[in-house]
N, C-alpha and C. Protein backbone atom coordinates (compact mmCIF):
# COMPACT_ATOMS: atom_id res chain seq x y z
N MET A 1 0.85 -1.18 0.12
CA MET A 1 -0.03 0.03 -0.09
C MET A 1 0.92 1.23 -0.06
N ARG A 2 2.05 1.15 0.77
CA ARG A 2 2.91 2.30 0.86
C ARG A 2 3.38 2.58 -0.52
N ALA A 3 3.77 1.51 -1.28
CA ALA A 3 4.46 1.78 -2.59
C ALA A 3 3.33 2.51 -3.53
N VAL A 4 2.14 2.14 -3.35
CA VAL A 4 1.07 2.78 -4.22
C VAL A 4 0.97 4.26 -3.87
N ARG A 5 0.84 4.49 -2.72
CA ARG A 5 0.73 5.96 -2.32
C ARG A 5 1.98 6.90 -2.63
N LEU A 6 3.12 6.27 -2.86
CA LEU A 6 4.37 7.02 -3.15
C LEU A 6 4.28 7.19 -4.61
N ALA A 7 3.92 6.18 -5.43
CA ALA A 7 3.79 6.43 -6.79
C ALA A 7 2.70 7.42 -7.00
N PHE A 8 1.58 7.48 -6.25
CA PHE A 8 0.51 8.40 -6.59
C PHE A 8 0.98 9.77 -6.34
N THR A 9 1.67 9.93 -5.22
CA THR A 9 2.12 11.10 -4.76
C THR A 9 3.31 11.82 -5.77
N ARG A 10 4.15 10.90 -6.30
CA ARG A 10 5.10 11.41 -7.18
C ARG A 10 4.43 11.90 -8.49
N GLY A 11 3.33 11.18 -9.06
CA GLY A 11 2.72 11.53 -10.06
C GLY A 11 1.89 12.79 -9.84
N LYS A 12 1.34 13.11 -8.71
CA LYS A 12 0.50 14.21 -8.41
C LYS A 12 1.61 15.42 -8.51
N SER A 13 2.83 15.31 -7.78
CA SER A 13 3.79 16.35 -7.89
C SER A 13 4.32 16.61 -9.08
N MET A 14 4.52 15.58 -9.85
CA MET A 14 5.02 15.75 -11.31
C MET A 14 4.02 16.56 -12.15
N LYS A 15 2.73 16.29 -11.90
CA LYS A 15 1.73 17.06 -12.84
C LYS A 15 1.64 18.32 -12.28
N LEU A 16 1.69 18.80 -11.03
CA LEU A 16 1.82 20.07 -10.60
C LEU A 16 3.03 20.90 -11.05
N SER A 17 4.10 20.17 -11.12
CA SER A 17 5.23 20.82 -11.52
C SER A 17 5.21 21.17 -13.05
N ALA A 18 4.59 20.23 -13.75
CA ALA A 18 4.46 20.51 -15.25
C ALA A 18 3.51 21.81 -15.44
N ILE A 19 2.37 21.77 -14.77
CA ILE A 19 1.45 22.86 -14.89
C ILE A 19 2.33 24.19 -14.28
N ALA A 20 2.91 24.19 -13.29
CA ALA A 20 3.58 25.35 -12.84
C ALA A 20 4.60 25.96 -13.94
N LEU A 21 5.24 24.84 -14.47
CA LEU A 21 6.27 25.24 -15.56
C LEU A 21 5.56 25.84 -16.67
N ALA A 22 4.51 25.09 -17.24
CA ALA A 22 3.72 25.80 -18.24
C ALA A 22 3.29 27.18 -18.08
N ALA A 23 2.80 27.34 -16.86
CA ALA A 23 2.16 28.72 -16.34
C ALA A 23 3.22 29.75 -16.33
N ALA A 24 4.53 29.36 -15.96
CA ALA A 24 5.66 30.28 -16.04
C ALA A 24 5.99 30.63 -17.54
N LEU A 25 6.13 29.55 -18.35
CA LEU A 25 6.48 29.95 -19.81
C LEU A 25 5.40 30.80 -20.48
N ALA A 26 4.06 30.58 -20.17
CA ALA A 26 3.12 31.39 -20.67
C ALA A 26 3.21 32.81 -20.20
N ALA A 27 3.39 33.02 -18.93
CA ALA A 27 3.74 34.31 -18.48
C ALA A 27 4.87 35.08 -18.96
N SER A 28 6.04 34.40 -19.14
CA SER A 28 7.01 34.97 -19.78
C SER A 28 7.00 35.32 -21.22
N THR A 29 6.08 34.48 -22.01
CA THR A 29 5.96 34.74 -23.42
C THR A 29 5.11 35.92 -23.50
N GLY A 30 4.14 36.04 -22.68
CA GLY A 30 3.06 37.07 -22.73
C GLY A 30 3.68 38.47 -22.38
N ALA A 31 4.89 38.35 -21.60
CA ALA A 31 5.62 39.64 -21.18
C ALA A 31 6.50 40.23 -22.32
N TYR A 32 6.85 39.32 -23.22
CA TYR A 32 7.76 39.72 -24.43
C TYR A 32 6.85 39.99 -25.79
N ALA A 33 5.69 39.43 -25.77
CA ALA A 33 5.04 39.64 -26.94
C ALA A 33 4.05 40.53 -26.96
N GLU A 34 3.57 41.25 -28.09
CA GLU A 34 2.77 42.32 -27.96
C GLU A 34 1.85 42.24 -29.18
N ASP A 35 0.59 42.08 -29.25
CA ASP A 35 -0.47 41.96 -30.17
C ASP A 35 -1.35 42.99 -30.12
N LEU A 36 -1.49 43.85 -31.42
CA LEU A 36 -2.24 44.93 -31.35
C LEU A 36 -3.34 44.74 -32.56
N THR A 37 -4.63 45.40 -32.24
CA THR A 37 -5.55 45.45 -33.37
C THR A 37 -5.99 46.83 -33.50
N ASN A 38 -5.85 47.24 -34.98
CA ASN A 38 -5.98 48.76 -35.17
C ASN A 38 -7.25 48.83 -36.27
N ASN A 39 -8.16 49.56 -36.12
CA ASN A 39 -8.92 49.90 -37.08
C ASN A 39 -8.47 51.19 -37.99
N VAL A 40 -8.51 51.10 -39.18
CA VAL A 40 -7.95 52.22 -39.98
C VAL A 40 -9.09 52.57 -41.12
N ASN A 41 -9.44 53.95 -41.23
CA ASN A 41 -10.37 54.38 -41.98
C ASN A 41 -9.57 54.78 -43.27
N LEU A 42 -10.13 54.36 -44.53
CA LEU A 42 -9.44 54.73 -45.80
C LEU A 42 -10.27 56.05 -46.21
N GLY A 43 -9.42 56.94 -46.84
CA GLY A 43 -9.98 58.13 -47.37
C GLY A 43 -9.79 58.11 -48.81
N GLY A 44 -10.75 58.87 -49.58
CA GLY A 44 -10.83 58.81 -51.07
C GLY A 44 -10.28 59.97 -51.70
N ASN A 45 -10.24 60.00 -52.84
CA ASN A 45 -9.88 61.09 -53.81
C ASN A 45 -10.82 61.06 -55.16
N ALA A 46 -10.44 62.00 -56.08
CA ALA A 46 -11.23 62.23 -57.33
C ALA A 46 -11.23 60.72 -58.12
N ALA A 47 -10.18 60.17 -58.03
CA ALA A 47 -9.84 58.86 -59.02
C ALA A 47 -10.44 57.69 -58.48
N ASP A 48 -11.33 57.58 -57.42
CA ASP A 48 -12.02 56.54 -56.91
C ASP A 48 -10.94 55.67 -56.22
N ILE A 49 -9.76 56.34 -55.64
CA ILE A 49 -8.72 55.40 -55.00
C ILE A 49 -8.80 55.74 -53.45
N LEU A 50 -9.00 54.62 -52.80
CA LEU A 50 -9.14 54.75 -51.17
C LEU A 50 -7.61 54.54 -50.75
N THR A 51 -7.16 55.36 -49.66
CA THR A 51 -5.68 55.35 -49.22
C THR A 51 -5.81 55.38 -47.78
N ALA A 52 -4.81 54.83 -47.15
CA ALA A 52 -4.54 55.23 -45.69
C ALA A 52 -2.97 54.82 -45.38
N SER A 53 -2.55 55.66 -44.39
CA SER A 53 -1.36 55.17 -43.85
C SER A 53 -1.40 54.83 -42.48
N PHE A 54 -0.67 53.95 -42.05
CA PHE A 54 -0.93 53.39 -40.80
C PHE A 54 0.67 52.94 -40.13
N GLY A 55 0.66 52.81 -38.89
CA GLY A 55 1.99 52.43 -38.36
C GLY A 55 1.73 52.07 -36.85
N VAL A 56 2.80 51.28 -36.32
CA VAL A 56 2.77 50.67 -34.88
C VAL A 56 4.05 50.90 -34.43
N THR A 57 4.25 51.22 -33.16
CA THR A 57 5.30 51.14 -32.35
C THR A 57 5.33 50.03 -31.28
N HIS A 58 6.27 49.28 -31.15
CA HIS A 58 6.17 48.02 -30.05
C HIS A 58 7.14 48.78 -29.21
N LEU A 59 6.80 48.54 -28.00
CA LEU A 59 7.72 49.10 -26.78
C LEU A 59 8.36 47.94 -26.14
N GLU A 60 8.25 46.68 -26.51
CA GLU A 60 8.98 45.59 -25.94
C GLU A 60 9.72 44.77 -26.81
N SER A 61 10.61 44.07 -26.47
CA SER A 61 11.31 43.06 -27.36
C SER A 61 10.51 41.63 -27.43
N GLY A 62 10.57 40.98 -28.47
CA GLY A 62 9.94 39.85 -28.74
C GLY A 62 8.98 39.98 -29.89
N GLY A 63 8.10 38.80 -29.96
CA GLY A 63 7.21 38.66 -31.13
C GLY A 63 6.09 39.49 -30.99
N PHE A 64 5.54 39.70 -32.17
CA PHE A 64 4.32 40.48 -32.23
C PHE A 64 3.29 39.89 -33.49
N TYR A 65 2.08 40.09 -33.39
CA TYR A 65 1.16 39.71 -34.37
C TYR A 65 -0.02 40.87 -34.45
N ASP A 66 0.24 41.65 -35.44
CA ASP A 66 -0.60 42.92 -35.38
C ASP A 66 -1.87 42.65 -36.57
N THR A 67 -2.89 43.22 -36.17
CA THR A 67 -4.10 43.17 -37.14
C THR A 67 -4.60 44.57 -37.37
N PHE A 68 -4.88 44.71 -38.64
CA PHE A 68 -5.44 46.09 -39.25
C PHE A 68 -6.72 45.81 -39.88
N ASN A 69 -7.78 46.47 -39.44
CA ASN A 69 -8.98 46.23 -40.19
C ASN A 69 -9.17 47.65 -40.91
N PHE A 70 -9.45 47.53 -42.16
CA PHE A 70 -9.56 48.66 -43.12
C PHE A 70 -11.13 48.82 -43.50
N SER A 71 -11.64 50.07 -43.32
CA SER A 71 -13.01 50.38 -43.70
C SER A 71 -13.04 51.75 -44.30
N PRO A 72 -14.12 52.00 -45.30
CA PRO A 72 -15.05 50.87 -45.80
C PRO A 72 -14.48 50.00 -47.00
N THR A 73 -14.72 48.96 -46.84
CA THR A 73 -14.12 47.89 -47.86
C THR A 73 -15.08 46.91 -48.33
N ASN A 74 -16.26 47.11 -48.66
CA ASN A 74 -17.14 46.17 -49.09
C ASN A 74 -16.99 46.12 -50.76
N GLY A 75 -16.60 44.97 -51.27
CA GLY A 75 -16.53 44.93 -52.79
C GLY A 75 -15.26 44.26 -53.29
N ASP A 76 -15.01 44.35 -54.64
CA ASP A 76 -13.80 43.80 -55.18
C ASP A 76 -12.82 44.87 -55.46
N TRP A 77 -11.52 44.74 -54.99
CA TRP A 77 -10.55 45.77 -55.17
C TRP A 77 -9.26 45.28 -55.64
N LEU A 78 -8.47 46.22 -56.26
CA LEU A 78 -7.02 46.07 -56.60
C LEU A 78 -6.30 46.68 -55.50
N VAL A 79 -5.40 46.04 -54.85
CA VAL A 79 -4.87 46.47 -53.62
C VAL A 79 -3.34 46.63 -53.83
N ASP A 80 -2.78 47.87 -53.48
CA ASP A 80 -1.27 48.07 -53.45
C ASP A 80 -1.08 48.24 -51.97
N SER A 81 -0.13 47.66 -51.38
CA SER A 81 0.24 47.78 -49.97
C SER A 81 1.74 47.77 -49.86
N SER A 82 2.18 48.44 -48.86
CA SER A 82 3.62 48.20 -48.36
C SER A 82 3.84 48.64 -46.92
N LEU A 83 4.89 47.81 -46.41
CA LEU A 83 5.29 48.12 -45.04
C LEU A 83 6.87 48.35 -45.01
N ILE A 84 7.15 49.23 -44.14
CA ILE A 84 8.70 49.46 -44.05
C ILE A 84 9.28 49.62 -42.72
N THR A 85 10.37 49.16 -42.45
CA THR A 85 11.13 49.46 -41.18
C THR A 85 12.44 49.84 -41.43
N ILE A 86 13.13 50.66 -40.70
CA ILE A 86 14.50 50.77 -40.75
C ILE A 86 15.13 50.92 -39.26
N GLY A 87 15.96 49.71 -38.99
CA GLY A 87 16.52 49.62 -37.74
C GLY A 87 18.03 50.02 -37.76
N PHE A 88 18.36 51.26 -37.27
CA PHE A 88 19.76 51.88 -37.21
C PHE A 88 20.36 51.07 -35.97
N ARG A 89 19.72 50.73 -35.20
CA ARG A 89 20.49 50.27 -34.03
C ARG A 89 19.74 48.83 -33.68
N PRO A 90 20.55 47.95 -33.03
CA PRO A 90 19.93 46.67 -32.78
C PRO A 90 18.80 46.48 -32.05
N GLU A 91 18.68 47.51 -30.92
CA GLU A 91 17.57 47.40 -30.15
C GLU A 91 16.27 48.01 -30.75
N SER A 92 16.38 48.51 -31.90
CA SER A 92 15.17 49.14 -32.55
C SER A 92 14.99 48.26 -34.09
N ASP A 93 15.44 47.09 -34.12
CA ASP A 93 15.43 46.27 -35.43
C ASP A 93 13.95 45.38 -35.26
N ILE A 94 13.29 45.56 -36.36
CA ILE A 94 12.14 44.66 -36.59
C ILE A 94 12.34 43.69 -37.61
N ASP A 95 12.14 42.39 -37.51
CA ASP A 95 12.07 41.37 -38.45
C ASP A 95 10.64 40.97 -38.96
N PHE A 96 10.30 41.24 -40.07
CA PHE A 96 8.95 40.60 -40.52
C PHE A 96 8.99 39.13 -40.98
N PHE A 97 8.03 38.28 -40.41
CA PHE A 97 8.03 37.02 -40.67
C PHE A 97 6.93 36.68 -41.74
N SER A 98 5.85 37.50 -41.77
CA SER A 98 4.85 37.35 -42.74
C SER A 98 3.89 38.68 -42.61
N ALA A 99 3.39 38.82 -43.78
CA ALA A 99 2.26 39.92 -43.85
C ALA A 99 1.34 39.50 -45.02
N GLU A 100 0.06 39.54 -44.50
CA GLU A 100 -1.00 39.11 -45.58
C GLU A 100 -2.37 40.00 -45.39
N ILE A 101 -2.97 40.12 -46.47
CA ILE A 101 -4.36 40.61 -46.52
C ILE A 101 -5.27 39.77 -47.00
N ASN A 102 -6.07 39.42 -46.34
CA ASN A 102 -7.20 38.28 -46.70
C ASN A 102 -6.69 37.21 -47.31
N GLY A 103 -5.38 36.69 -46.87
CA GLY A 103 -4.77 35.42 -47.31
C GLY A 103 -3.79 35.64 -48.46
N HIS A 104 -3.75 36.83 -48.89
CA HIS A 104 -2.81 37.29 -49.99
C HIS A 104 -1.50 37.86 -49.42
N PHE A 105 -0.50 37.22 -49.56
CA PHE A 105 0.77 37.48 -48.84
C PHE A 105 1.62 38.66 -49.59
N LEU A 106 2.10 39.50 -48.73
CA LEU A 106 2.99 40.52 -49.37
C LEU A 106 4.33 39.94 -49.55
N THR A 107 5.21 40.40 -50.44
CA THR A 107 6.36 39.88 -50.80
C THR A 107 7.41 40.52 -49.70
N LEU A 108 8.13 39.66 -49.07
CA LEU A 108 9.05 40.22 -47.92
C LEU A 108 10.44 40.46 -48.49
N SER A 109 11.17 41.51 -48.01
CA SER A 109 12.63 41.67 -48.16
C SER A 109 13.50 40.63 -47.27
N PRO A 110 14.70 40.54 -47.55
CA PRO A 110 15.46 39.74 -46.69
C PRO A 110 15.48 40.32 -45.32
N ILE A 111 15.66 39.39 -44.34
CA ILE A 111 15.83 39.98 -42.94
C ILE A 111 17.03 40.73 -42.78
N GLY A 112 17.01 41.99 -42.09
CA GLY A 112 18.27 42.81 -41.94
C GLY A 112 17.95 44.15 -41.33
N GLY A 113 18.68 45.15 -41.32
CA GLY A 113 18.36 46.40 -40.76
C GLY A 113 17.23 47.04 -41.29
N TYR A 114 17.17 46.85 -42.67
CA TYR A 114 16.22 47.64 -43.57
C TYR A 114 15.35 46.52 -44.05
N GLU A 115 14.06 46.51 -43.73
CA GLU A 115 13.12 45.54 -44.37
C GLU A 115 11.84 46.21 -44.81
N TYR A 116 11.30 45.53 -45.81
CA TYR A 116 9.96 46.04 -46.43
C TYR A 116 9.27 44.95 -46.87
N ALA A 117 8.03 45.11 -46.95
CA ALA A 117 6.99 44.12 -47.66
C ALA A 117 6.09 44.85 -48.65
N VAL A 118 5.75 44.21 -49.74
CA VAL A 118 5.06 44.93 -50.77
C VAL A 118 4.03 44.01 -51.39
N MET A 119 3.01 44.67 -51.92
CA MET A 119 1.86 44.06 -52.73
C MET A 119 1.54 45.02 -53.81
N MET A 120 1.51 44.30 -55.17
CA MET A 120 1.05 45.31 -56.06
C MET A 120 -0.08 44.65 -56.97
N GLN A 121 -1.05 45.49 -57.19
CA GLN A 121 -2.38 45.28 -57.85
C GLN A 121 -2.87 43.86 -57.62
N GLU A 122 -3.10 43.45 -56.46
CA GLU A 122 -3.64 42.16 -56.19
C GLU A 122 -5.03 42.26 -56.08
N PRO A 123 -5.96 41.54 -56.84
CA PRO A 123 -7.32 41.45 -56.62
C PRO A 123 -7.85 40.92 -55.43
N ILE A 124 -8.50 41.56 -54.48
CA ILE A 124 -8.89 41.11 -53.33
C ILE A 124 -10.43 41.53 -52.98
N THR A 125 -11.16 40.62 -52.55
CA THR A 125 -12.55 40.88 -52.14
C THR A 125 -12.55 41.32 -50.64
N GLY A 126 -13.42 42.44 -50.42
CA GLY A 126 -13.24 43.02 -48.94
C GLY A 126 -14.43 42.31 -48.15
N PRO A 127 -14.45 42.58 -46.86
CA PRO A 127 -13.75 43.61 -46.08
C PRO A 127 -12.05 43.06 -45.86
N LEU A 128 -11.30 44.11 -45.89
CA LEU A 128 -9.87 44.01 -45.82
C LEU A 128 -9.33 43.90 -44.40
N VAL A 129 -8.54 42.87 -44.31
CA VAL A 129 -7.98 42.71 -42.90
C VAL A 129 -6.47 42.27 -43.10
N MET A 130 -5.55 43.11 -42.67
CA MET A 130 -4.11 42.89 -42.71
C MET A 130 -3.73 42.21 -41.55
N HIS A 131 -2.75 41.07 -41.49
CA HIS A 131 -2.17 40.57 -40.51
C HIS A 131 -0.50 40.77 -40.74
N VAL A 132 0.10 41.15 -39.62
CA VAL A 132 1.63 41.28 -39.70
C VAL A 132 2.15 40.62 -38.69
N TYR A 133 3.00 39.59 -38.81
CA TYR A 133 3.78 38.84 -37.93
C TYR A 133 5.19 39.09 -37.83
N GLY A 134 5.96 39.23 -36.82
CA GLY A 134 7.22 39.78 -36.72
C GLY A 134 7.90 39.78 -35.35
N ARG A 135 9.02 40.38 -35.23
CA ARG A 135 9.73 40.21 -33.95
C ARG A 135 10.50 41.45 -33.89
N VAL A 136 10.52 42.24 -32.69
CA VAL A 136 11.44 43.08 -32.23
C VAL A 136 12.68 42.57 -31.74
N ASN A 137 13.90 42.88 -32.12
CA ASN A 137 15.09 42.18 -31.77
C ASN A 137 15.93 42.82 -30.88
N GLY A 138 15.37 43.73 -30.01
CA GLY A 138 16.30 44.26 -28.94
C GLY A 138 16.60 43.38 -27.76
N MET A 139 17.80 43.59 -27.23
CA MET A 139 18.21 42.81 -26.09
C MET A 139 17.38 43.36 -24.85
N PHE A 140 17.25 44.69 -24.81
CA PHE A 140 16.47 45.28 -23.75
C PHE A 140 15.21 45.84 -24.30
N ASP A 141 14.23 46.11 -23.50
CA ASP A 141 13.10 46.72 -23.90
C ASP A 141 13.35 48.11 -24.48
N ALA A 142 12.98 48.23 -25.79
CA ALA A 142 13.10 49.43 -26.37
C ALA A 142 12.01 49.63 -27.54
N SER A 143 11.85 50.75 -27.98
CA SER A 143 10.71 50.89 -28.93
C SER A 143 11.20 50.78 -30.38
N ALA A 144 10.50 50.11 -31.08
CA ALA A 144 10.84 49.79 -32.54
C ALA A 144 9.43 50.01 -33.33
N SER A 145 9.62 50.54 -34.53
CA SER A 145 8.38 51.03 -35.16
C SER A 145 8.32 50.42 -36.61
N TYR A 146 7.22 50.37 -37.22
CA TYR A 146 7.21 50.24 -38.73
C TYR A 146 5.96 51.09 -39.29
N ALA A 147 5.97 51.29 -40.43
CA ALA A 147 4.84 52.09 -41.10
C ALA A 147 4.36 51.49 -42.31
N GLY A 148 3.22 51.63 -42.69
CA GLY A 148 2.73 51.10 -43.91
C GLY A 148 1.76 52.05 -44.75
N THR A 149 1.45 51.61 -45.97
CA THR A 149 0.47 52.35 -46.69
C THR A 149 -0.52 51.35 -47.39
N ILE A 150 -1.73 51.66 -47.83
CA ILE A 150 -2.45 50.83 -48.58
C ILE A 150 -3.25 51.84 -49.51
N ASN A 151 -3.41 51.32 -50.75
CA ASN A 151 -4.10 51.95 -51.78
C ASN A 151 -5.00 50.93 -52.45
N ILE A 152 -6.42 51.18 -52.42
CA ILE A 152 -7.20 50.36 -53.20
C ILE A 152 -8.08 51.07 -54.06
N MET A 153 -8.28 50.26 -55.26
CA MET A 153 -9.05 50.79 -56.50
C MET A 153 -10.10 49.83 -56.73
N PRO A 154 -11.37 50.01 -56.96
CA PRO A 154 -12.44 49.17 -57.42
C PRO A 154 -11.84 48.52 -58.74
N VAL A 155 -12.29 47.19 -58.73
CA VAL A 155 -12.08 46.35 -59.84
C VAL A 155 -13.00 46.85 -60.84
N PRO A 156 -12.55 47.16 -62.32
CA PRO A 156 -13.64 47.56 -63.27
C PRO A 156 -14.68 46.47 -63.57
N GLU A 157 -15.83 46.88 -63.77
CA GLU A 157 -16.87 45.84 -64.15
C GLU A 157 -16.70 45.12 -65.39
N PRO A 158 -17.03 43.99 -65.74
CA PRO A 158 -16.97 43.41 -66.95
C PRO A 158 -17.72 44.28 -68.20
N ALA A 159 -18.61 44.83 -67.79
CA ALA A 159 -19.32 45.81 -68.74
C ALA A 159 -18.44 46.88 -69.25
N THR A 160 -17.48 47.30 -68.50
CA THR A 160 -16.45 48.34 -68.87
C THR A 160 -15.56 47.79 -69.84
N TYR A 161 -15.15 46.68 -69.54
CA TYR A 161 -14.32 46.01 -70.65
C TYR A 161 -14.92 45.69 -71.88
N GLY A 162 -16.21 45.43 -71.89
CA GLY A 162 -17.02 45.14 -73.17
C GLY A 162 -17.09 46.56 -73.92
N MET A 163 -17.34 47.58 -73.18
CA MET A 163 -17.44 48.86 -73.92
C MET A 163 -16.14 49.26 -74.45
N LEU A 164 -15.21 48.93 -73.86
CA LEU A 164 -13.73 49.35 -74.41
C LEU A 164 -13.44 48.64 -75.52
N MET A 165 -13.78 47.39 -75.63
CA MET A 165 -13.50 46.41 -76.79
C MET A 165 -14.59 46.71 -78.06
N GLY A 166 -15.62 47.03 -77.63
CA GLY A 166 -16.60 47.47 -78.67
C GLY A 166 -16.19 48.98 -79.31
N GLY A 167 -15.74 49.84 -78.42
CA GLY A 167 -15.13 51.14 -78.98
C GLY A 167 -13.80 50.89 -79.91
N LEU A 168 -13.01 49.98 -79.54
CA LEU A 168 -11.89 49.68 -80.26
C LEU A 168 -12.23 49.11 -81.64
N GLY A 169 -13.26 48.30 -81.58
CA GLY A 169 -13.73 47.42 -82.89
C GLY A 169 -14.30 48.52 -83.85
N ILE A 170 -15.11 49.44 -83.27
CA ILE A 170 -15.69 50.37 -84.23
C ILE A 170 -14.43 51.29 -84.72
N LEU A 171 -13.54 51.73 -83.97
CA LEU A 171 -12.43 52.51 -84.55
C LEU A 171 -11.57 51.68 -85.58
N ALA A 172 -11.37 50.44 -85.41
CA ALA A 172 -10.79 49.36 -86.43
C ALA A 172 -11.63 49.48 -87.65
N TRP A 173 -12.95 49.33 -87.47
CA TRP A 173 -13.79 49.31 -88.69
C TRP A 173 -13.77 50.43 -89.45
N LEU A 174 -13.89 51.69 -88.81
CA LEU A 174 -13.84 52.90 -89.32
C LEU A 174 -12.43 53.19 -90.30
N ALA A 175 -11.33 52.78 -89.55
CA ALA A 175 -10.13 52.99 -90.08
C ALA A 175 -9.91 51.94 -91.31
N ARG A 176 -10.44 50.91 -91.37
CA ARG A 176 -10.46 49.96 -92.47
C ARG A 176 -11.36 50.36 -93.58
N GLY A 177 -12.31 51.17 -93.41
CA GLY A 177 -13.19 51.68 -94.50
C GLY A 177 -12.58 52.90 -95.18
N ARG A 178 -11.65 53.45 -94.83
CA ARG A 178 -11.05 54.59 -95.44
C ARG A 178 -9.95 54.05 -96.53
N LYS A 179 -10.05 54.57 -97.63
CA LYS A 179 -8.93 54.22 -98.75
C LYS A 179 -7.90 55.30 -98.82
N PRO A 180 -6.75 54.99 -98.91
CA PRO A 180 -5.67 56.05 -99.29
C PRO A 180 -5.86 56.66 -100.60
N ALA A 181 -5.61 57.80 -100.66
CA ALA A 181 -5.98 58.54 -102.03
C ALA A 181 -4.72 58.37 -102.98
């Protein structure tokens, strides 16, 4: 009976140790990771292009996962977007691991002191949500920032392409009908 109690006691203390270790790891990870969610309003201009600038400053070293919700964005869009960071000092360096808008990934530059991510003329259906995953590489808690821009244009309707092709056909027919003198 004593052997059974000892085995039970060891098993219980091992479970408690594992739980305590998991809690300590979760707490330490939370202290160094910073996740942000931002709502960004897009402004318009005369050319039906909506645009916005955005940015984030992280105040702690470690990983981050940022979310940007852009509005208003119902519809089909051609999206241009970019992110940039310049880390002149090791404590203010950010490495991008991935950046995507609605599952469409931005092209990342190599990891280093100057990093960027870009997307050019990608057709995406809204609402638009961008996720940026990366790491602040400081040995001490220091602020590190990145900034971004997004430009969206409505995708032309199929009827617009049909009218363009019809107009070009009429011009070709008129040009063919003329005879050189």
